[in-house]
Amino acid sequence: MKNSWHTWKSVIGVALGVFLIADAALGGLLYWQSQQTSSQAYVRAQLLKTQAKKLRADVQRGEKIRDSLAQAGEECDKFYQTTFLDSTTGYSAIQADLSSIAAKAGLHASTLTFKPKELEGRGVTEIAITEEIEGDYPAILQFINQLEVSRNFYLLRDLTLDPATTGGIRLKLDLATYFRD
């Protein structure tokens, strides 16, 4: 009986030792995982802080844009009112301006045509302008330079140079401008 008690005591001791070793191993594993998780959580927290900082900056930029929309609208209205001529007087103003620029450059204007195109929902009419002028090369350069600094708004879409029948150069311009409706 003593022997069986001794055996039983040894078996229980070995089993307790195995449980203690397993418990220590499990405790070490849990500690290692908690350290890993806390370092990962730290990295994740840093990423979230960086993202939050970027989002706050985006919100601030958005608020600045929203605050400046009224000013941008006013500037657009001013551009619209000061740059685009009224459709009732625009044709004669453009004709007078182009004739004046040609005369100052010493050129002879042979044709000037207008072709309106309504731009739906925009409050403007696009006016395609075709003009042919004749003269020498320096005068044509002066004409083009004066177009660029004119008080009226012109888009130069195309230009063609050909020899003129009078010995100079013939310039055909395709321009566009816009009139307020």
N, C-alpha and C. Protein backbone atom coordinates (compact mmCIF):
# COMPACT_ATOMS: atom_id res chain seq x y z
N MET A 1 0.80 -1.16 0.00
CA MET A 1 0.00 0.00 0.00
C MET A 1 0.86 1.25 0.00
N LYS A 2 1.95 1.15 0.75
CA LYS A 2 2.84 2.29 0.76
C LYS A 2 3.39 2.55 -0.62
N ASN A 3 3.65 1.52 -1.31
CA ASN A 3 4.21 1.63 -2.64
C ASN A 3 3.18 2.24 -3.59
N SER A 4 1.93 1.85 -3.46
CA SER A 4 0.95 2.41 -4.36
C SER A 4 0.70 3.88 -4.04
N TRP A 5 0.77 4.22 -2.72
CA TRP A 5 0.62 5.61 -2.36
C TRP A 5 1.78 6.41 -2.90
N HIS A 6 2.94 5.89 -2.84
CA HIS A 6 4.13 6.55 -3.34
C HIS A 6 4.02 6.72 -4.87
N THR A 7 3.52 5.74 -5.53
CA THR A 7 3.34 5.81 -6.98
C THR A 7 2.28 6.85 -7.31
N TRP A 8 1.21 6.77 -6.56
CA TRP A 8 0.12 7.73 -6.79
C TRP A 8 0.62 9.15 -6.54
N LYS A 9 1.39 9.36 -5.53
CA LYS A 9 1.95 10.66 -5.20
C LYS A 9 2.90 11.12 -6.31
N SER A 10 3.66 10.24 -6.87
CA SER A 10 4.59 10.57 -7.96
C SER A 10 3.82 10.96 -9.22
N VAL A 11 2.76 10.21 -9.50
CA VAL A 11 1.96 10.50 -10.69
C VAL A 11 1.30 11.88 -10.54
N ILE A 12 0.77 12.15 -9.37
CA ILE A 12 0.14 13.45 -9.14
C ILE A 12 1.19 14.55 -9.22
N GLY A 13 2.37 14.33 -8.68
CA GLY A 13 3.44 15.32 -8.74
C GLY A 13 3.86 15.61 -10.17
N VAL A 14 3.99 14.52 -10.96
CA VAL A 14 4.38 14.70 -12.36
C VAL A 14 3.26 15.44 -13.10
N ALA A 15 2.01 15.07 -12.84
CA ALA A 15 0.89 15.72 -13.51
C ALA A 15 0.85 17.21 -13.13
N LEU A 16 1.04 17.51 -11.84
CA LEU A 16 1.07 18.90 -11.42
C LEU A 16 2.24 19.65 -12.07
N GLY A 17 3.38 19.02 -12.19
CA GLY A 17 4.52 19.64 -12.85
C GLY A 17 4.22 19.95 -14.31
N VAL A 18 3.56 18.97 -14.99
CA VAL A 18 3.21 19.19 -16.40
C VAL A 18 2.21 20.35 -16.50
N PHE A 19 1.22 20.37 -15.57
CA PHE A 19 0.26 21.48 -15.58
C PHE A 19 0.93 22.81 -15.30
N LEU A 20 1.88 22.83 -14.36
CA LEU A 20 2.59 24.07 -14.05
C LEU A 20 3.44 24.54 -15.24
N ILE A 21 4.09 23.58 -15.91
CA ILE A 21 4.89 23.94 -17.09
C ILE A 21 3.97 24.45 -18.20
N ALA A 22 2.84 23.77 -18.43
CA ALA A 22 1.88 24.19 -19.45
C ALA A 22 1.31 25.56 -19.10
N ASP A 23 1.01 25.78 -17.81
CA ASP A 23 0.49 27.06 -17.36
C ASP A 23 1.51 28.18 -17.57
N ALA A 24 2.78 27.90 -17.27
CA ALA A 24 3.83 28.89 -17.47
C ALA A 24 4.00 29.20 -18.95
N ALA A 25 3.94 28.15 -19.78
CA ALA A 25 4.07 28.35 -21.23
C ALA A 25 2.89 29.18 -21.76
N LEU A 26 1.70 28.85 -21.28
CA LEU A 26 0.51 29.59 -21.71
C LEU A 26 0.58 31.04 -21.23
N GLY A 27 1.02 31.25 -20.02
CA GLY A 27 1.19 32.61 -19.50
C GLY A 27 2.21 33.39 -20.32
N GLY A 28 3.32 32.76 -20.68
CA GLY A 28 4.34 33.41 -21.52
C GLY A 28 3.79 33.76 -22.89
N LEU A 29 3.01 32.84 -23.45
CA LEU A 29 2.40 33.09 -24.77
C LEU A 29 1.43 34.27 -24.70
N LEU A 30 0.60 34.30 -23.65
CA LEU A 30 -0.34 35.42 -23.50
C LEU A 30 0.39 36.74 -23.30
N TYR A 31 1.47 36.73 -22.52
CA TYR A 31 2.26 37.95 -22.31
C TYR A 31 2.88 38.41 -23.63
N TRP A 32 3.43 37.48 -24.40
CA TRP A 32 4.04 37.82 -25.69
C TRP A 32 2.99 38.40 -26.63
N GLN A 33 1.80 37.79 -26.68
CA GLN A 33 0.73 38.30 -27.54
C GLN A 33 0.27 39.68 -27.08
N SER A 34 0.20 39.91 -25.77
CA SER A 34 -0.23 41.22 -25.30
C SER A 34 0.80 42.28 -25.67
N GLN A 35 2.08 41.93 -25.65
CA GLN A 35 3.11 42.88 -26.06
C GLN A 35 3.00 43.17 -27.55
N GLN A 36 2.79 42.11 -28.32
CA GLN A 36 2.62 42.29 -29.77
C GLN A 36 1.38 43.14 -30.04
N THR A 37 0.30 42.86 -29.40
CA THR A 37 -0.95 43.58 -29.60
C THR A 37 -0.79 45.04 -29.19
N SER A 38 -0.11 45.31 -28.10
CA SER A 38 0.05 46.70 -27.69
C SER A 38 0.95 47.47 -28.66
N SER A 39 1.97 46.83 -29.23
CA SER A 39 2.80 47.53 -30.21
C SER A 39 2.01 47.74 -31.50
N GLN A 40 1.20 46.75 -31.87
CA GLN A 40 0.36 46.94 -33.04
C GLN A 40 -0.69 48.02 -32.79
N ALA A 41 -1.23 48.04 -31.58
CA ALA A 41 -2.21 49.06 -31.24
C ALA A 41 -1.56 50.44 -31.26
N TYR A 42 -0.30 50.53 -30.84
CA TYR A 42 0.41 51.81 -30.86
C TYR A 42 0.58 52.29 -32.31
N VAL A 43 0.99 51.36 -33.18
CA VAL A 43 1.16 51.70 -34.60
C VAL A 43 -0.18 52.12 -35.20
N ARG A 44 -1.23 51.38 -34.88
CA ARG A 44 -2.57 51.70 -35.39
C ARG A 44 -3.01 53.06 -34.87
N ALA A 45 -2.75 53.36 -33.60
CA ALA A 45 -3.12 54.65 -33.03
C ALA A 45 -2.38 55.78 -33.73
N GLN A 46 -1.10 55.57 -34.06
CA GLN A 46 -0.33 56.59 -34.76
C GLN A 46 -0.90 56.82 -36.16
N LEU A 47 -1.28 55.74 -36.84
CA LEU A 47 -1.89 55.88 -38.17
C LEU A 47 -3.21 56.64 -38.08
N LEU A 48 -4.00 56.34 -37.07
CA LEU A 48 -5.28 57.03 -36.91
C LEU A 48 -5.07 58.51 -36.59
N LYS A 49 -4.05 58.82 -35.77
CA LYS A 49 -3.75 60.23 -35.47
C LYS A 49 -3.35 60.98 -36.74
N THR A 50 -2.51 60.34 -37.56
CA THR A 50 -2.07 60.96 -38.82
C THR A 50 -3.27 61.19 -39.74
N GLN A 51 -4.13 60.18 -39.83
CA GLN A 51 -5.31 60.29 -40.70
C GLN A 51 -6.25 61.39 -40.18
N ALA A 52 -6.42 61.46 -38.87
CA ALA A 52 -7.29 62.50 -38.30
C ALA A 52 -6.72 63.88 -38.58
N LYS A 53 -5.40 64.03 -38.51
CA LYS A 53 -4.76 65.31 -38.78
C LYS A 53 -4.99 65.73 -40.24
N LYS A 54 -4.85 64.76 -41.15
CA LYS A 54 -5.10 65.05 -42.57
C LYS A 54 -6.55 65.42 -42.81
N LEU A 55 -7.47 64.72 -42.15
CA LEU A 55 -8.89 65.02 -42.32
C LEU A 55 -9.23 66.40 -41.78
N ARG A 56 -8.63 66.79 -40.65
CA ARG A 56 -8.86 68.13 -40.12
C ARG A 56 -8.35 69.19 -41.10
N ALA A 57 -7.19 68.92 -41.72
CA ALA A 57 -6.65 69.86 -42.71
C ALA A 57 -7.59 69.96 -43.91
N ASP A 58 -8.15 68.83 -44.34
CA ASP A 58 -9.10 68.85 -45.46
C ASP A 58 -10.34 69.66 -45.10
N VAL A 59 -10.83 69.49 -43.89
CA VAL A 59 -12.01 70.23 -43.45
C VAL A 59 -11.70 71.72 -43.42
N GLN A 60 -10.53 72.10 -42.93
CA GLN A 60 -10.15 73.52 -42.90
C GLN A 60 -10.08 74.10 -44.32
N ARG A 61 -9.48 73.33 -45.26
CA ARG A 61 -9.43 73.80 -46.65
C ARG A 61 -10.84 73.95 -47.21
N GLY A 62 -11.70 72.99 -46.91
CA GLY A 62 -13.09 73.07 -47.38
C GLY A 62 -13.81 74.28 -46.83
N GLU A 63 -13.56 74.59 -45.55
CA GLU A 63 -14.20 75.76 -44.95
C GLU A 63 -13.68 77.04 -45.58
N LYS A 64 -12.38 77.10 -45.90
CA LYS A 64 -11.83 78.28 -46.57
C LYS A 64 -12.46 78.45 -47.95
N ILE A 65 -12.62 77.33 -48.66
CA ILE A 65 -13.24 77.39 -49.99
C ILE A 65 -14.68 77.88 -49.86
N ARG A 66 -15.41 77.31 -48.90
CA ARG A 66 -16.80 77.71 -48.71
C ARG A 66 -16.89 79.20 -48.37
N ASP A 67 -15.97 79.68 -47.53
CA ASP A 67 -15.97 81.09 -47.16
C ASP A 67 -15.64 82.00 -48.35
N SER A 68 -14.84 81.49 -49.30
CA SER A 68 -14.44 82.33 -50.44
C SER A 68 -15.40 82.20 -51.62
N LEU A 69 -16.41 81.34 -51.52
CA LEU A 69 -17.34 81.18 -52.65
C LEU A 69 -18.10 82.46 -52.96
N ALA A 70 -18.48 83.19 -51.95
CA ALA A 70 -19.21 84.43 -52.20
C ALA A 70 -18.34 85.41 -52.99
N GLN A 71 -17.07 85.51 -52.60
CA GLN A 71 -16.16 86.41 -53.31
C GLN A 71 -15.94 85.92 -54.75
N ALA A 72 -15.79 84.62 -54.92
CA ALA A 72 -15.60 84.07 -56.27
C ALA A 72 -16.84 84.35 -57.13
N GLY A 73 -18.02 84.23 -56.53
CA GLY A 73 -19.24 84.53 -57.27
C GLY A 73 -19.30 85.98 -57.69
N GLU A 74 -18.88 86.86 -56.79
CA GLU A 74 -18.86 88.29 -57.12
C GLU A 74 -17.86 88.57 -58.24
N GLU A 75 -16.70 87.92 -58.19
CA GLU A 75 -15.70 88.11 -59.24
C GLU A 75 -16.20 87.59 -60.58
N CYS A 76 -16.91 86.47 -60.56
CA CYS A 76 -17.48 85.93 -61.82
C CYS A 76 -18.52 86.89 -62.38
N ASP A 77 -19.37 87.41 -61.50
CA ASP A 77 -20.38 88.38 -61.96
C ASP A 77 -19.72 89.62 -62.54
N LYS A 78 -18.66 90.09 -61.88
CA LYS A 78 -17.96 91.28 -62.38
C LYS A 78 -17.32 90.99 -63.74
N PHE A 79 -16.69 89.81 -63.88
CA PHE A 79 -16.10 89.42 -65.16
C PHE A 79 -17.18 89.37 -66.23
N TYR A 80 -18.31 88.77 -65.92
CA TYR A 80 -19.42 88.65 -66.85
C TYR A 80 -19.91 90.02 -67.29
N GLN A 81 -20.08 90.93 -66.35
CA GLN A 81 -20.61 92.26 -66.66
C GLN A 81 -19.61 93.14 -67.39
N THR A 82 -18.32 93.04 -67.03
CA THR A 82 -17.33 93.95 -67.62
C THR A 82 -16.70 93.41 -68.89
N THR A 83 -16.66 92.10 -69.06
CA THR A 83 -15.96 91.53 -70.21
C THR A 83 -16.88 91.26 -71.39
N PHE A 84 -18.06 90.75 -71.13
CA PHE A 84 -18.98 90.42 -72.21
C PHE A 84 -19.89 91.61 -72.50
N LEU A 85 -19.95 91.95 -73.77
CA LEU A 85 -20.80 93.08 -74.19
C LEU A 85 -22.26 92.66 -74.19
N ASP A 86 -23.13 93.64 -74.08
CA ASP A 86 -24.56 93.41 -74.16
C ASP A 86 -24.91 93.06 -75.60
N SER A 87 -25.82 92.13 -75.79
CA SER A 87 -26.14 91.68 -77.15
C SER A 87 -26.81 92.76 -77.99
N THR A 88 -27.41 93.75 -77.36
CA THR A 88 -28.08 94.80 -78.15
C THR A 88 -27.09 95.77 -78.78
N THR A 89 -25.95 95.99 -78.16
CA THR A 89 -24.97 96.94 -78.70
C THR A 89 -23.64 96.28 -79.07
N GLY A 90 -23.53 94.99 -78.83
CA GLY A 90 -22.26 94.29 -79.01
C GLY A 90 -21.75 94.26 -80.44
N TYR A 91 -22.64 94.03 -81.40
CA TYR A 91 -22.19 93.92 -82.80
C TYR A 91 -21.53 95.21 -83.28
N SER A 92 -22.17 96.33 -83.00
CA SER A 92 -21.60 97.60 -83.47
C SER A 92 -20.31 97.92 -82.71
N ALA A 93 -20.25 97.57 -81.43
CA ALA A 93 -19.03 97.82 -80.65
C ALA A 93 -17.86 96.98 -81.17
N ILE A 94 -18.13 95.72 -81.50
CA ILE A 94 -17.07 94.84 -82.03
C ILE A 94 -16.62 95.33 -83.40
N GLN A 95 -17.58 95.69 -84.25
CA GLN A 95 -17.23 96.18 -85.59
C GLN A 95 -16.39 97.45 -85.49
N ALA A 96 -16.76 98.36 -84.59
CA ALA A 96 -16.01 99.61 -84.42
C ALA A 96 -14.61 99.31 -83.87
N ASP A 97 -14.51 98.39 -82.92
CA ASP A 97 -13.23 98.06 -82.32
C ASP A 97 -12.29 97.43 -83.35
N LEU A 98 -12.78 96.45 -84.10
CA LEU A 98 -11.93 95.79 -85.10
C LEU A 98 -11.52 96.76 -86.21
N SER A 99 -12.44 97.62 -86.62
CA SER A 99 -12.11 98.62 -87.65
C SER A 99 -11.06 99.59 -87.13
N SER A 100 -11.18 100.01 -85.89
CA SER A 100 -10.22 100.93 -85.29
C SER A 100 -8.84 100.29 -85.17
N ILE A 101 -8.79 99.04 -84.75
CA ILE A 101 -7.50 98.35 -84.63
C ILE A 101 -6.84 98.22 -86.00
N ALA A 102 -7.65 97.85 -87.02
CA ALA A 102 -7.10 97.72 -88.37
C ALA A 102 -6.60 99.06 -88.89
N ALA A 103 -7.35 100.12 -88.66
CA ALA A 103 -6.95 101.46 -89.15
C ALA A 103 -5.66 101.92 -88.46
N LYS A 104 -5.56 101.69 -87.15
CA LYS A 104 -4.34 102.09 -86.42
C LYS A 104 -3.12 101.33 -86.92
N ALA A 105 -3.33 100.09 -87.36
CA ALA A 105 -2.21 99.28 -87.86
C ALA A 105 -1.93 99.58 -89.33
N GLY A 106 -2.80 100.36 -89.98
CA GLY A 106 -2.61 100.69 -91.39
C GLY A 106 -3.05 99.56 -92.31
N LEU A 107 -4.05 98.82 -91.92
CA LEU A 107 -4.55 97.69 -92.72
C LEU A 107 -5.91 98.03 -93.33
N HIS A 108 -6.22 97.30 -94.39
CA HIS A 108 -7.51 97.45 -95.05
C HIS A 108 -8.33 96.19 -94.75
N ALA A 109 -9.49 96.39 -94.11
CA ALA A 109 -10.39 95.27 -93.80
C ALA A 109 -11.33 95.07 -94.97
N SER A 110 -11.36 93.85 -95.50
CA SER A 110 -12.21 93.61 -96.66
C SER A 110 -13.54 92.96 -96.28
N THR A 111 -13.55 92.05 -95.34
CA THR A 111 -14.81 91.42 -94.93
C THR A 111 -14.84 91.26 -93.41
N LEU A 112 -16.06 91.32 -92.89
CA LEU A 112 -16.29 91.09 -91.47
C LEU A 112 -17.67 90.45 -91.35
N THR A 113 -17.71 89.22 -90.83
CA THR A 113 -18.99 88.53 -90.68
C THR A 113 -19.15 88.03 -89.25
N PHE A 114 -20.40 87.98 -88.82
CA PHE A 114 -20.75 87.50 -87.49
C PHE A 114 -21.68 86.31 -87.62
N LYS A 115 -21.49 85.32 -86.77
CA LYS A 115 -22.39 84.17 -86.75
C LYS A 115 -22.70 83.84 -85.29
N PRO A 116 -23.91 84.18 -84.83
CA PRO A 116 -24.26 83.93 -83.42
C PRO A 116 -24.64 82.47 -83.18
N LYS A 117 -24.36 82.01 -81.97
CA LYS A 117 -24.75 80.66 -81.55
C LYS A 117 -25.17 80.74 -80.09
N GLU A 118 -26.44 80.47 -79.84
CA GLU A 118 -26.99 80.53 -78.48
C GLU A 118 -26.43 79.36 -77.66
N LEU A 119 -25.90 79.67 -76.49
CA LEU A 119 -25.42 78.64 -75.57
C LEU A 119 -26.49 78.46 -74.49
N GLU A 120 -27.23 77.38 -74.59
CA GLU A 120 -28.37 77.13 -73.71
C GLU A 120 -27.97 77.11 -72.25
N GLY A 121 -28.75 77.82 -71.43
CA GLY A 121 -28.57 77.79 -69.99
C GLY A 121 -27.33 78.51 -69.47
N ARG A 122 -26.64 79.24 -70.30
CA ARG A 122 -25.41 79.91 -69.86
C ARG A 122 -25.55 81.42 -69.77
N GLY A 123 -26.61 81.96 -70.36
CA GLY A 123 -26.81 83.40 -70.31
C GLY A 123 -25.92 84.18 -71.26
N VAL A 124 -25.29 83.48 -72.21
CA VAL A 124 -24.43 84.15 -73.18
C VAL A 124 -24.70 83.59 -74.57
N THR A 125 -24.34 84.39 -75.56
CA THR A 125 -24.40 83.97 -76.95
C THR A 125 -22.97 84.01 -77.49
N GLU A 126 -22.53 82.92 -78.08
CA GLU A 126 -21.21 82.90 -78.69
C GLU A 126 -21.31 83.51 -80.08
N ILE A 127 -20.40 84.41 -80.38
CA ILE A 127 -20.38 85.07 -81.68
C ILE A 127 -19.10 84.67 -82.40
N ALA A 128 -19.26 83.92 -83.50
CA ALA A 128 -18.11 83.57 -84.33
C ALA A 128 -17.88 84.74 -85.30
N ILE A 129 -16.66 85.23 -85.34
CA ILE A 129 -16.31 86.39 -86.18
C ILE A 129 -15.27 85.96 -87.20
N THR A 130 -15.52 86.28 -88.45
CA THR A 130 -14.55 86.05 -89.51
C THR A 130 -14.20 87.41 -90.11
N GLU A 131 -12.90 87.67 -90.19
CA GLU A 131 -12.46 88.95 -90.75
C GLU A 131 -11.27 88.70 -91.66
N GLU A 132 -11.27 89.40 -92.78
CA GLU A 132 -10.13 89.35 -93.69
C GLU A 132 -9.56 90.76 -93.81
N ILE A 133 -8.25 90.85 -93.65
CA ILE A 133 -7.57 92.14 -93.76
C ILE A 133 -6.34 91.96 -94.62
N GLU A 134 -5.91 93.06 -95.23
CA GLU A 134 -4.74 93.03 -96.10
C GLU A 134 -3.77 94.12 -95.67
N GLY A 135 -2.48 93.80 -95.81
CA GLY A 135 -1.45 94.78 -95.50
C GLY A 135 -0.09 94.12 -95.46
N ASP A 136 0.89 94.85 -94.96
CA ASP A 136 2.23 94.26 -94.88
C ASP A 136 2.39 93.53 -93.53
N TYR A 137 3.46 92.76 -93.45
CA TYR A 137 3.68 91.88 -92.31
C TYR A 137 3.78 92.64 -90.98
N PRO A 138 4.56 93.72 -90.87
CA PRO A 138 4.63 94.44 -89.58
C PRO A 138 3.26 94.98 -89.14
N ALA A 139 2.47 95.43 -90.10
CA ALA A 139 1.14 95.96 -89.76
C ALA A 139 0.23 94.83 -89.25
N ILE A 140 0.36 93.65 -89.84
CA ILE A 140 -0.45 92.51 -89.38
C ILE A 140 -0.04 92.11 -87.96
N LEU A 141 1.26 92.12 -87.68
CA LEU A 141 1.72 91.82 -86.32
C LEU A 141 1.17 92.85 -85.33
N GLN A 142 1.19 94.10 -85.72
CA GLN A 142 0.65 95.16 -84.86
C GLN A 142 -0.84 94.94 -84.62
N PHE A 143 -1.57 94.54 -85.67
CA PHE A 143 -3.01 94.26 -85.54
C PHE A 143 -3.25 93.15 -84.52
N ILE A 144 -2.50 92.06 -84.64
CA ILE A 144 -2.68 90.93 -83.72
C ILE A 144 -2.33 91.34 -82.29
N ASN A 145 -1.27 92.10 -82.12
CA ASN A 145 -0.91 92.59 -80.78
C ASN A 145 -2.01 93.47 -80.20
N GLN A 146 -2.61 94.31 -81.02
CA GLN A 146 -3.68 95.18 -80.54
C GLN A 146 -4.94 94.38 -80.19
N LEU A 147 -5.17 93.28 -80.89
CA LEU A 147 -6.29 92.40 -80.53
C LEU A 147 -6.11 91.85 -79.12
N GLU A 148 -4.87 91.49 -78.79
CA GLU A 148 -4.58 90.91 -77.47
C GLU A 148 -4.82 91.90 -76.34
N VAL A 149 -4.60 93.18 -76.58
CA VAL A 149 -4.74 94.17 -75.51
C VAL A 149 -6.04 94.97 -75.62
N SER A 150 -6.90 94.56 -76.52
CA SER A 150 -8.17 95.26 -76.69
C SER A 150 -9.00 95.15 -75.41
N ARG A 151 -9.85 96.14 -75.18
CA ARG A 151 -10.73 96.11 -74.02
C ARG A 151 -11.83 95.07 -74.19
N ASN A 152 -12.04 94.63 -75.43
CA ASN A 152 -13.04 93.59 -75.71
C ASN A 152 -12.41 92.21 -75.63
N PHE A 153 -13.26 91.23 -75.38
CA PHE A 153 -12.83 89.85 -75.19
C PHE A 153 -12.88 89.12 -76.53
N TYR A 154 -11.70 88.66 -77.01
CA TYR A 154 -11.62 87.91 -78.26
C TYR A 154 -10.86 86.60 -78.03
N LEU A 155 -11.37 85.54 -78.61
CA LEU A 155 -10.64 84.27 -78.66
C LEU A 155 -10.19 84.08 -80.11
N LEU A 156 -8.90 83.94 -80.31
CA LEU A 156 -8.36 83.70 -81.65
C LEU A 156 -8.40 82.20 -81.89
N ARG A 157 -9.28 81.78 -82.79
CA ARG A 157 -9.45 80.36 -83.05
C ARG A 157 -8.55 79.88 -84.19
N ASP A 158 -8.37 80.73 -85.20
CA ASP A 158 -7.57 80.31 -86.35
C ASP A 158 -7.14 81.56 -87.10
N LEU A 159 -6.01 81.48 -87.74
CA LEU A 159 -5.59 82.55 -88.65
C LEU A 159 -4.88 81.92 -89.83
N THR A 160 -5.08 82.53 -90.97
CA THR A 160 -4.50 82.05 -92.21
C THR A 160 -3.86 83.23 -92.93
N LEU A 161 -2.62 83.03 -93.38
CA LEU A 161 -1.91 84.06 -94.16
C LEU A 161 -1.81 83.58 -95.60
N ASP A 162 -2.19 84.45 -96.51
CA ASP A 162 -2.09 84.17 -97.94
C ASP A 162 -1.55 85.42 -98.62
N PRO A 163 -0.98 85.26 -99.81
CA PRO A 163 -0.57 86.46 -100.56
C PRO A 163 -1.82 87.23 -101.01
N ALA A 164 -1.75 88.54 -100.90
CA ALA A 164 -2.88 89.39 -101.32
C ALA A 164 -2.70 89.79 -102.78
N THR A 165 -3.78 90.17 -103.40
CA THR A 165 -3.73 90.59 -104.80
C THR A 165 -3.00 91.92 -104.95
N THR A 166 -2.92 92.69 -103.88
CA THR A 166 -2.26 94.00 -103.93
C THR A 166 -0.77 93.92 -103.65
N GLY A 167 -0.24 92.71 -103.44
CA GLY A 167 1.19 92.55 -103.21
C GLY A 167 1.55 92.38 -101.75
N GLY A 168 0.64 92.57 -100.84
CA GLY A 168 0.93 92.39 -99.42
C GLY A 168 0.52 90.99 -98.96
N ILE A 169 0.02 90.95 -97.76
CA ILE A 169 -0.42 89.69 -97.17
C ILE A 169 -1.90 89.82 -96.80
N ARG A 170 -2.63 88.73 -97.04
CA ARG A 170 -4.04 88.68 -96.65
C ARG A 170 -4.12 87.80 -95.39
N LEU A 171 -4.71 88.34 -94.35
CA LEU A 171 -4.88 87.63 -93.08
C LEU A 171 -6.36 87.34 -92.90
N LYS A 172 -6.67 86.04 -92.75
CA LYS A 172 -8.04 85.64 -92.45
C LYS A 172 -8.06 85.18 -91.00
N LEU A 173 -8.89 85.86 -90.20
CA LEU A 173 -9.00 85.55 -88.78
C LEU A 173 -10.33 84.91 -88.47
N ASP A 174 -10.29 83.87 -87.67
CA ASP A 174 -11.51 83.30 -87.09
C ASP A 174 -11.44 83.58 -85.59
N LEU A 175 -12.30 84.47 -85.15
CA LEU A 175 -12.35 84.89 -83.75
C LEU A 175 -13.66 84.46 -83.13
N ALA A 176 -13.71 84.54 -81.84
CA ALA A 176 -14.99 84.33 -81.12
C ALA A 176 -15.03 85.32 -79.98
N THR A 177 -16.24 85.74 -79.65
CA THR A 177 -16.49 86.55 -78.48
C THR A 177 -17.84 86.13 -77.93
N TYR A 178 -18.22 86.71 -76.83
CA TYR A 178 -19.49 86.34 -76.19
C TYR A 178 -20.25 87.59 -75.82
N PHE A 179 -21.57 87.55 -76.01
CA PHE A 179 -22.46 88.63 -75.63
C PHE A 179 -23.36 88.15 -74.50
N ARG A 180 -23.64 89.07 -73.57
CA ARG A 180 -24.62 88.77 -72.51
C ARG A 180 -26.01 88.76 -73.14
N ASP A 181 -26.82 87.84 -72.69
CA ASP A 181 -28.22 87.80 -73.18
C ASP A 181 -29.08 88.76 -72.41
